[in-house]
Amino acid sequence: IDALFGIDLTTEMKCMESEDEPVSKGTDKQRRLQCTITSDVVTLDQGIKLGFEAEIEKNSSVLKRNALFKQTRRIHRLPKYLAIQLNRFFWKRTPESRDHQGVNCKILKPVKFSQTLDVFNFCDEDLQNILKGPRDKHLREKMGR
């Protein structure tokens, strides 16, 4: 399954509150990309981008307290088939309700997507260098039609 659907991702965590904090890098494997749907998301690639760049709170070894980190993820290896999950649900807190703390809500907002998805901007530099030649050739052929 990983040979067909496996996505290798590189993750970089940079502290936004201290320049002395070293940048931590890591790798991750997934079988699908997630498209997070919010009120600002109109297209599929905008939703995917939300999942690739996030701000999280994490313990800083230099500051000795929780600090804000910017997490940036990039694709290091593309699979033969790319699965994308549309996250259409969110948890809405209802503190005034007596019987529960919240409800699961479905987002009914339409998300536009084209026949082809260009994931070049979601890839790391190594993969972009590999894809650049064939991508440029494809774009030239497409413009020549």
N, C-alpha and C. Protein backbone atom coordinates (compact mmCIF):
# COMPACT_ATOMS: atom_id res chain seq x y z
N ILE A 1 0.83 -1.19 0.00
CA ILE A 1 0.00 0.00 0.00
C ILE A 1 0.87 1.26 0.00
N ASP A 2 1.97 1.24 0.78
CA ASP A 2 2.84 2.41 0.82
C ASP A 2 3.49 2.69 -0.53
N ALA A 3 3.72 1.65 -1.34
CA ALA A 3 4.32 1.87 -2.65
C ALA A 3 3.37 2.65 -3.57
N LEU A 4 2.07 2.46 -3.39
CA LEU A 4 1.09 3.15 -4.23
C LEU A 4 0.60 4.47 -3.65
N PHE A 5 0.42 4.52 -2.31
CA PHE A 5 -0.18 5.69 -1.68
C PHE A 5 0.73 6.42 -0.69
N GLY A 6 1.93 5.88 -0.42
CA GLY A 6 2.80 6.45 0.61
C GLY A 6 3.40 7.80 0.23
N ILE A 7 3.27 8.77 1.12
CA ILE A 7 3.81 10.12 0.93
C ILE A 7 4.85 10.34 2.02
N ASP A 8 6.09 10.67 1.63
CA ASP A 8 7.13 11.03 2.59
C ASP A 8 7.14 12.54 2.74
N LEU A 9 7.05 13.00 3.98
CA LEU A 9 7.02 14.43 4.27
C LEU A 9 8.23 14.82 5.11
N THR A 10 8.73 16.03 4.89
CA THR A 10 9.75 16.60 5.77
C THR A 10 9.07 17.69 6.60
N THR A 11 9.44 17.74 7.87
CA THR A 11 8.84 18.71 8.79
C THR A 11 9.94 19.57 9.39
N GLU A 12 9.69 20.86 9.43
CA GLU A 12 10.63 21.81 10.02
C GLU A 12 9.89 22.63 11.07
N MET A 13 10.45 22.69 12.28
CA MET A 13 9.85 23.45 13.38
C MET A 13 10.80 24.58 13.76
N LYS A 14 10.31 25.82 13.66
CA LYS A 14 11.13 26.99 13.96
C LYS A 14 10.43 27.82 15.03
N CYS A 15 11.18 28.16 16.09
CA CYS A 15 10.62 28.96 17.17
C CYS A 15 10.43 30.39 16.70
N MET A 16 9.25 30.94 16.94
CA MET A 16 8.96 32.30 16.51
C MET A 16 9.31 33.33 17.59
N GLU A 17 9.62 32.84 18.79
CA GLU A 17 9.90 33.75 19.90
C GLU A 17 11.38 33.86 20.23
N SER A 18 12.21 32.98 19.67
CA SER A 18 13.64 33.01 19.97
C SER A 18 14.44 32.57 18.75
N GLU A 19 15.43 33.38 18.41
CA GLU A 19 16.33 33.03 17.30
C GLU A 19 17.38 32.00 17.74
N ASP A 20 17.60 31.87 19.06
CA ASP A 20 18.61 30.94 19.58
C ASP A 20 18.14 29.49 19.55
N GLU A 21 16.85 29.29 19.48
CA GLU A 21 16.29 27.93 19.44
C GLU A 21 16.67 27.28 18.11
N PRO A 22 17.30 26.10 18.16
CA PRO A 22 17.66 25.43 16.90
C PRO A 22 16.42 24.95 16.15
N VAL A 23 16.51 24.98 14.83
CA VAL A 23 15.41 24.51 13.99
C VAL A 23 15.43 22.98 14.00
N SER A 24 14.31 22.39 14.36
CA SER A 24 14.25 20.92 14.39
C SER A 24 13.63 20.43 13.08
N LYS A 25 14.23 19.38 12.56
CA LYS A 25 13.76 18.79 11.30
C LYS A 25 13.45 17.33 11.53
N GLY A 26 12.46 16.83 10.80
CA GLY A 26 12.07 15.44 10.92
C GLY A 26 11.37 14.97 9.67
N THR A 27 11.02 13.69 9.67
CA THR A 27 10.32 13.10 8.54
C THR A 27 9.06 12.41 9.04
N ASP A 28 8.13 12.22 8.14
CA ASP A 28 6.85 11.62 8.48
C ASP A 28 6.33 10.89 7.24
N LYS A 29 5.56 9.84 7.45
CA LYS A 29 4.95 9.11 6.35
C LYS A 29 3.44 9.18 6.51
N GLN A 30 2.76 9.43 5.40
CA GLN A 30 1.30 9.45 5.39
C GLN A 30 0.81 8.77 4.13
N ARG A 31 -0.47 8.48 4.11
CA ARG A 31 -1.08 7.85 2.92
C ARG A 31 -2.08 8.77 2.24
N ARG A 32 -2.28 9.97 2.80
CA ARG A 32 -3.21 10.92 2.19
C ARG A 32 -2.86 12.33 2.64
N LEU A 33 -3.22 13.29 1.81
CA LEU A 33 -3.11 14.69 2.18
C LEU A 33 -4.46 15.14 2.69
N GLN A 34 -4.46 16.08 3.62
CA GLN A 34 -5.72 16.56 4.17
C GLN A 34 -5.98 17.98 3.70
N CYS A 35 -7.19 18.20 3.23
CA CYS A 35 -7.64 19.53 2.82
C CYS A 35 -8.54 20.05 3.93
N THR A 36 -8.03 21.02 4.69
CA THR A 36 -8.78 21.61 5.79
C THR A 36 -9.69 22.70 5.24
N ILE A 37 -10.98 22.56 5.45
CA ILE A 37 -11.95 23.51 4.92
C ILE A 37 -12.33 24.51 6.01
N THR A 38 -12.11 25.78 5.73
CA THR A 38 -12.51 26.86 6.62
C THR A 38 -13.32 27.87 5.80
N SER A 39 -13.69 28.96 6.43
CA SER A 39 -14.46 29.98 5.70
C SER A 39 -13.62 30.68 4.64
N ASP A 40 -12.28 30.66 4.79
CA ASP A 40 -11.40 31.32 3.83
C ASP A 40 -11.02 30.44 2.65
N VAL A 41 -11.22 29.14 2.75
CA VAL A 41 -10.78 28.21 1.71
C VAL A 41 -11.80 28.18 0.57
N VAL A 42 -11.31 28.42 -0.65
CA VAL A 42 -12.16 28.39 -1.84
C VAL A 42 -11.76 27.23 -2.75
N THR A 43 -10.44 26.96 -2.85
CA THR A 43 -9.96 25.91 -3.73
C THR A 43 -9.25 24.81 -2.94
N LEU A 44 -9.08 23.67 -3.58
CA LEU A 44 -8.46 22.52 -2.95
C LEU A 44 -7.03 22.81 -2.51
N ASP A 45 -6.25 23.48 -3.34
CA ASP A 45 -4.86 23.74 -2.98
C ASP A 45 -4.74 24.69 -1.79
N GLN A 46 -5.68 25.60 -1.59
CA GLN A 46 -5.66 26.47 -0.41
C GLN A 46 -5.88 25.65 0.86
N GLY A 47 -6.77 24.68 0.81
CA GLY A 47 -7.03 23.81 1.96
C GLY A 47 -5.86 22.92 2.28
N ILE A 48 -5.17 22.42 1.25
CA ILE A 48 -3.99 21.58 1.47
C ILE A 48 -2.87 22.43 2.09
N LYS A 49 -2.72 23.66 1.62
CA LYS A 49 -1.68 24.55 2.15
C LYS A 49 -1.87 24.81 3.64
N LEU A 50 -3.12 24.90 4.11
CA LEU A 50 -3.38 25.08 5.54
C LEU A 50 -2.79 23.94 6.37
N GLY A 51 -2.81 22.74 5.83
CA GLY A 51 -2.26 21.60 6.55
C GLY A 51 -0.74 21.54 6.52
N PHE A 52 -0.12 22.25 5.60
CA PHE A 52 1.33 22.22 5.46
C PHE A 52 2.03 23.31 6.28
N GLU A 53 1.31 24.35 6.66
CA GLU A 53 1.90 25.43 7.45
C GLU A 53 0.98 25.71 8.63
N ALA A 54 1.53 25.57 9.84
CA ALA A 54 0.72 25.76 11.03
C ALA A 54 1.57 26.39 12.14
N GLU A 55 0.89 27.00 13.08
CA GLU A 55 1.55 27.52 14.27
C GLU A 55 1.08 26.67 15.45
N ILE A 56 2.06 26.13 16.19
CA ILE A 56 1.73 25.28 17.32
C ILE A 56 2.50 25.74 18.55
N GLU A 57 1.98 25.40 19.71
CA GLU A 57 2.66 25.72 20.96
C GLU A 57 3.40 24.49 21.43
N LYS A 58 4.67 24.68 21.77
CA LYS A 58 5.53 23.55 22.12
C LYS A 58 6.55 24.03 23.16
N ASN A 59 7.08 23.12 23.95
CA ASN A 59 8.07 23.48 24.96
C ASN A 59 9.40 23.82 24.29
N SER A 60 9.95 24.99 24.64
CA SER A 60 11.23 25.44 24.09
C SER A 60 12.34 25.08 25.06
N SER A 61 13.39 24.44 24.55
CA SER A 61 14.51 24.07 25.42
C SER A 61 15.36 25.28 25.80
N VAL A 62 15.37 26.31 24.96
CA VAL A 62 16.15 27.52 25.25
C VAL A 62 15.40 28.44 26.21
N LEU A 63 14.12 28.65 25.98
CA LEU A 63 13.32 29.55 26.81
C LEU A 63 12.82 28.89 28.09
N LYS A 64 12.87 27.55 28.15
CA LYS A 64 12.42 26.77 29.31
C LYS A 64 10.94 27.00 29.64
N ARG A 65 10.15 27.20 28.60
CA ARG A 65 8.70 27.37 28.74
C ARG A 65 8.05 27.05 27.40
N ASN A 66 6.74 27.04 27.37
CA ASN A 66 6.02 26.85 26.11
C ASN A 66 6.18 28.08 25.24
N ALA A 67 6.42 27.87 23.96
CA ALA A 67 6.60 28.97 23.02
C ALA A 67 5.87 28.63 21.72
N LEU A 68 5.69 29.64 20.89
CA LEU A 68 5.01 29.48 19.62
C LEU A 68 6.02 29.06 18.55
N PHE A 69 5.73 27.97 17.86
CA PHE A 69 6.59 27.44 16.80
C PHE A 69 5.83 27.46 15.49
N LYS A 70 6.55 27.69 14.39
CA LYS A 70 5.97 27.59 13.06
C LYS A 70 6.38 26.24 12.49
N GLN A 71 5.39 25.43 12.15
CA GLN A 71 5.63 24.12 11.57
C GLN A 71 5.40 24.20 10.07
N THR A 72 6.41 23.81 9.31
CA THR A 72 6.31 23.80 7.85
C THR A 72 6.57 22.37 7.38
N ARG A 73 5.63 21.84 6.61
CA ARG A 73 5.77 20.49 6.07
C ARG A 73 5.87 20.58 4.56
N ARG A 74 6.67 19.70 3.97
CA ARG A 74 6.84 19.63 2.52
C ARG A 74 6.89 18.17 2.10
N ILE A 75 6.44 17.91 0.88
CA ILE A 75 6.47 16.55 0.34
C ILE A 75 7.88 16.23 -0.13
N HIS A 76 8.41 15.09 0.33
CA HIS A 76 9.74 14.66 -0.08
C HIS A 76 9.67 13.57 -1.16
N ARG A 77 8.59 12.78 -1.13
CA ARG A 77 8.38 11.74 -2.15
C ARG A 77 6.90 11.65 -2.45
N LEU A 78 6.57 11.72 -3.75
CA LEU A 78 5.18 11.62 -4.19
C LEU A 78 4.82 10.18 -4.49
N PRO A 79 3.58 9.78 -4.20
CA PRO A 79 3.14 8.42 -4.52
C PRO A 79 2.63 8.34 -5.95
N LYS A 80 2.35 7.12 -6.38
CA LYS A 80 1.77 6.93 -7.71
C LYS A 80 0.34 7.47 -7.74
N TYR A 81 -0.40 7.25 -6.65
CA TYR A 81 -1.77 7.75 -6.52
C TYR A 81 -1.83 8.66 -5.31
N LEU A 82 -2.37 9.85 -5.48
CA LEU A 82 -2.45 10.83 -4.41
C LEU A 82 -3.88 10.90 -3.88
N ALA A 83 -4.07 10.48 -2.64
CA ALA A 83 -5.38 10.53 -2.00
C ALA A 83 -5.48 11.81 -1.18
N ILE A 84 -6.64 12.47 -1.29
CA ILE A 84 -6.86 13.71 -0.56
C ILE A 84 -8.16 13.58 0.23
N GLN A 85 -8.09 13.87 1.52
CA GLN A 85 -9.25 13.82 2.39
C GLN A 85 -9.74 15.24 2.65
N LEU A 86 -11.01 15.48 2.42
CA LEU A 86 -11.61 16.79 2.70
C LEU A 86 -12.14 16.78 4.13
N ASN A 87 -11.56 17.60 5.00
CA ASN A 87 -12.01 17.69 6.39
C ASN A 87 -13.20 18.63 6.46
N ARG A 88 -14.39 18.06 6.47
CA ARG A 88 -15.62 18.84 6.44
C ARG A 88 -16.30 18.92 7.80
N PHE A 89 -15.64 18.47 8.86
CA PHE A 89 -16.25 18.48 10.18
C PHE A 89 -15.39 19.26 11.16
N PHE A 90 -16.03 19.90 12.13
CA PHE A 90 -15.31 20.55 13.22
C PHE A 90 -16.14 20.44 14.48
N TRP A 91 -15.48 20.59 15.62
CA TRP A 91 -16.14 20.49 16.92
C TRP A 91 -16.54 21.88 17.37
N LYS A 92 -17.83 22.09 17.58
CA LYS A 92 -18.34 23.38 18.02
C LYS A 92 -18.71 23.26 19.50
N ARG A 93 -18.05 24.07 20.32
CA ARG A 93 -18.32 24.04 21.76
C ARG A 93 -19.68 24.66 22.05
N THR A 94 -20.41 24.01 22.95
CA THR A 94 -21.69 24.54 23.41
C THR A 94 -21.69 24.49 24.94
N PRO A 95 -21.00 25.43 25.59
CA PRO A 95 -20.89 25.38 27.06
C PRO A 95 -22.21 25.62 27.79
N GLU A 96 -23.16 26.28 27.14
CA GLU A 96 -24.43 26.56 27.81
C GLU A 96 -25.36 25.36 27.82
N SER A 97 -25.03 24.32 27.07
CA SER A 97 -25.87 23.13 27.02
C SER A 97 -25.63 22.26 28.26
N ARG A 98 -26.68 21.68 28.81
CA ARG A 98 -26.55 20.87 30.02
C ARG A 98 -26.11 19.44 29.73
N ASP A 99 -26.52 18.91 28.59
CA ASP A 99 -26.29 17.49 28.33
C ASP A 99 -24.98 17.17 27.63
N HIS A 100 -24.29 18.15 27.04
CA HIS A 100 -23.02 17.86 26.37
C HIS A 100 -22.17 19.12 26.28
N GLN A 101 -20.90 18.93 25.97
CA GLN A 101 -19.94 20.04 25.89
C GLN A 101 -19.82 20.63 24.49
N GLY A 102 -20.31 19.92 23.49
CA GLY A 102 -20.22 20.42 22.13
C GLY A 102 -20.89 19.48 21.15
N VAL A 103 -20.91 19.90 19.89
CA VAL A 103 -21.51 19.08 18.84
C VAL A 103 -20.57 19.03 17.64
N ASN A 104 -20.65 17.95 16.91
CA ASN A 104 -19.88 17.79 15.68
C ASN A 104 -20.66 18.45 14.54
N CYS A 105 -20.06 19.42 13.87
CA CYS A 105 -20.75 20.17 12.82
C CYS A 105 -20.12 19.88 11.46
N LYS A 106 -20.96 19.79 10.44
CA LYS A 106 -20.47 19.57 9.08
C LYS A 106 -20.41 20.91 8.35
N ILE A 107 -19.28 21.13 7.64
CA ILE A 107 -19.10 22.33 6.84
C ILE A 107 -19.63 22.03 5.45
N LEU A 108 -20.62 22.77 5.00
CA LEU A 108 -21.26 22.51 3.71
C LEU A 108 -20.73 23.41 2.61
N LYS A 109 -19.66 24.14 2.86
CA LYS A 109 -19.09 25.07 1.90
C LYS A 109 -18.51 24.32 0.70
N PRO A 110 -18.81 24.75 -0.52
CA PRO A 110 -18.23 24.08 -1.70
C PRO A 110 -16.75 24.42 -1.86
N VAL A 111 -15.98 23.46 -2.30
CA VAL A 111 -14.55 23.65 -2.56
C VAL A 111 -14.31 23.32 -4.03
N LYS A 112 -13.70 24.26 -4.76
CA LYS A 112 -13.45 24.08 -6.18
C LYS A 112 -12.10 23.38 -6.39
N PHE A 113 -12.06 22.52 -7.40
CA PHE A 113 -10.80 21.90 -7.78
C PHE A 113 -10.82 21.62 -9.27
N SER A 114 -9.63 21.68 -9.86
CA SER A 114 -9.51 21.46 -11.30
C SER A 114 -9.22 19.99 -11.59
N GLN A 115 -9.14 19.64 -12.87
CA GLN A 115 -8.86 18.26 -13.27
C GLN A 115 -7.47 17.82 -12.84
N THR A 116 -6.52 18.74 -12.82
CA THR A 116 -5.16 18.42 -12.40
C THR A 116 -4.79 19.28 -11.19
N LEU A 117 -4.03 18.69 -10.29
CA LEU A 117 -3.58 19.38 -9.10
C LEU A 117 -2.06 19.52 -9.17
N ASP A 118 -1.58 20.75 -9.17
CA ASP A 118 -0.14 21.02 -9.22
C ASP A 118 0.38 21.08 -7.79
N VAL A 119 1.11 20.04 -7.38
CA VAL A 119 1.63 19.96 -6.01
C VAL A 119 3.09 20.42 -5.94
N PHE A 120 3.59 21.03 -7.00
CA PHE A 120 4.99 21.46 -7.07
C PHE A 120 5.35 22.37 -5.89
N ASN A 121 4.49 23.30 -5.54
CA ASN A 121 4.77 24.24 -4.45
C ASN A 121 4.71 23.59 -3.07
N PHE A 122 4.15 22.40 -2.96
CA PHE A 122 4.08 21.68 -1.69
C PHE A 122 5.29 20.77 -1.49
N CYS A 123 6.17 20.66 -2.49
CA CYS A 123 7.32 19.76 -2.43
C CYS A 123 8.54 20.48 -1.85
N ASP A 124 9.46 19.69 -1.27
CA ASP A 124 10.70 20.28 -0.77
C ASP A 124 11.64 20.56 -1.95
N GLU A 125 12.74 21.24 -1.66
CA GLU A 125 13.66 21.68 -2.74
C GLU A 125 14.23 20.51 -3.53
N ASP A 126 14.56 19.41 -2.86
CA ASP A 126 15.13 18.25 -3.56
C ASP A 126 14.15 17.71 -4.59
N LEU A 127 12.90 17.54 -4.20
CA LEU A 127 11.90 17.01 -5.12
C LEU A 127 11.56 18.03 -6.20
N GLN A 128 11.55 19.31 -5.88
CA GLN A 128 11.30 20.35 -6.88
C GLN A 128 12.37 20.34 -7.96
N ASN A 129 13.64 20.11 -7.56
CA ASN A 129 14.72 20.04 -8.55
C ASN A 129 14.53 18.86 -9.50
N ILE A 130 14.02 17.74 -8.99
CA ILE A 130 13.77 16.57 -9.82
C ILE A 130 12.59 16.83 -10.76
N LEU A 131 11.55 17.48 -10.25
CA LEU A 131 10.33 17.69 -11.03
C LEU A 131 10.40 18.88 -11.98
N LYS A 132 11.35 19.79 -11.77
CA LYS A 132 11.39 21.04 -12.53
C LYS A 132 11.49 20.82 -14.04
N GLY A 133 12.38 19.95 -14.49
CA GLY A 133 12.54 19.69 -15.92
C GLY A 133 11.28 19.17 -16.58
N PRO A 134 10.73 18.04 -16.11
CA PRO A 134 9.50 17.52 -16.72
C PRO A 134 8.32 18.48 -16.58
N ARG A 135 8.24 19.21 -15.48
CA ARG A 135 7.14 20.17 -15.29
C ARG A 135 7.23 21.31 -16.29
N ASP A 136 8.44 21.87 -16.47
CA ASP A 136 8.62 22.95 -17.44
C ASP A 136 8.30 22.49 -18.85
N LYS A 137 8.71 21.26 -19.19
CA LYS A 137 8.42 20.71 -20.51
C LYS A 137 6.92 20.56 -20.72
N HIS A 138 6.23 20.07 -19.70
CA HIS A 138 4.77 19.92 -19.78
C HIS A 138 4.09 21.28 -19.94
N LEU A 139 4.54 22.28 -19.21
CA LEU A 139 3.95 23.62 -19.30
C LEU A 139 4.18 24.25 -20.68
N ARG A 140 5.38 24.01 -21.26
CA ARG A 140 5.67 24.53 -22.62
C ARG A 140 4.75 23.87 -23.64
N GLU A 141 4.58 22.54 -23.52
CA GLU A 141 3.70 21.82 -24.44
C GLU A 141 2.25 22.29 -24.29
N LYS A 142 1.84 22.54 -23.08
CA LYS A 142 0.48 22.98 -22.83
C LYS A 142 0.24 24.38 -23.40
N MET A 143 1.23 25.26 -23.29
CA MET A 143 1.11 26.61 -23.81
C MET A 143 1.18 26.63 -25.33
N GLY A 144 1.84 25.63 -25.94
CA GLY A 144 1.99 25.56 -27.39
C GLY A 144 0.74 25.10 -28.09
N ARG A 145 -0.19 24.53 -27.37
CA ARG A 145 -1.43 24.02 -27.99
C ARG A 145 -2.32 25.12 -28.43
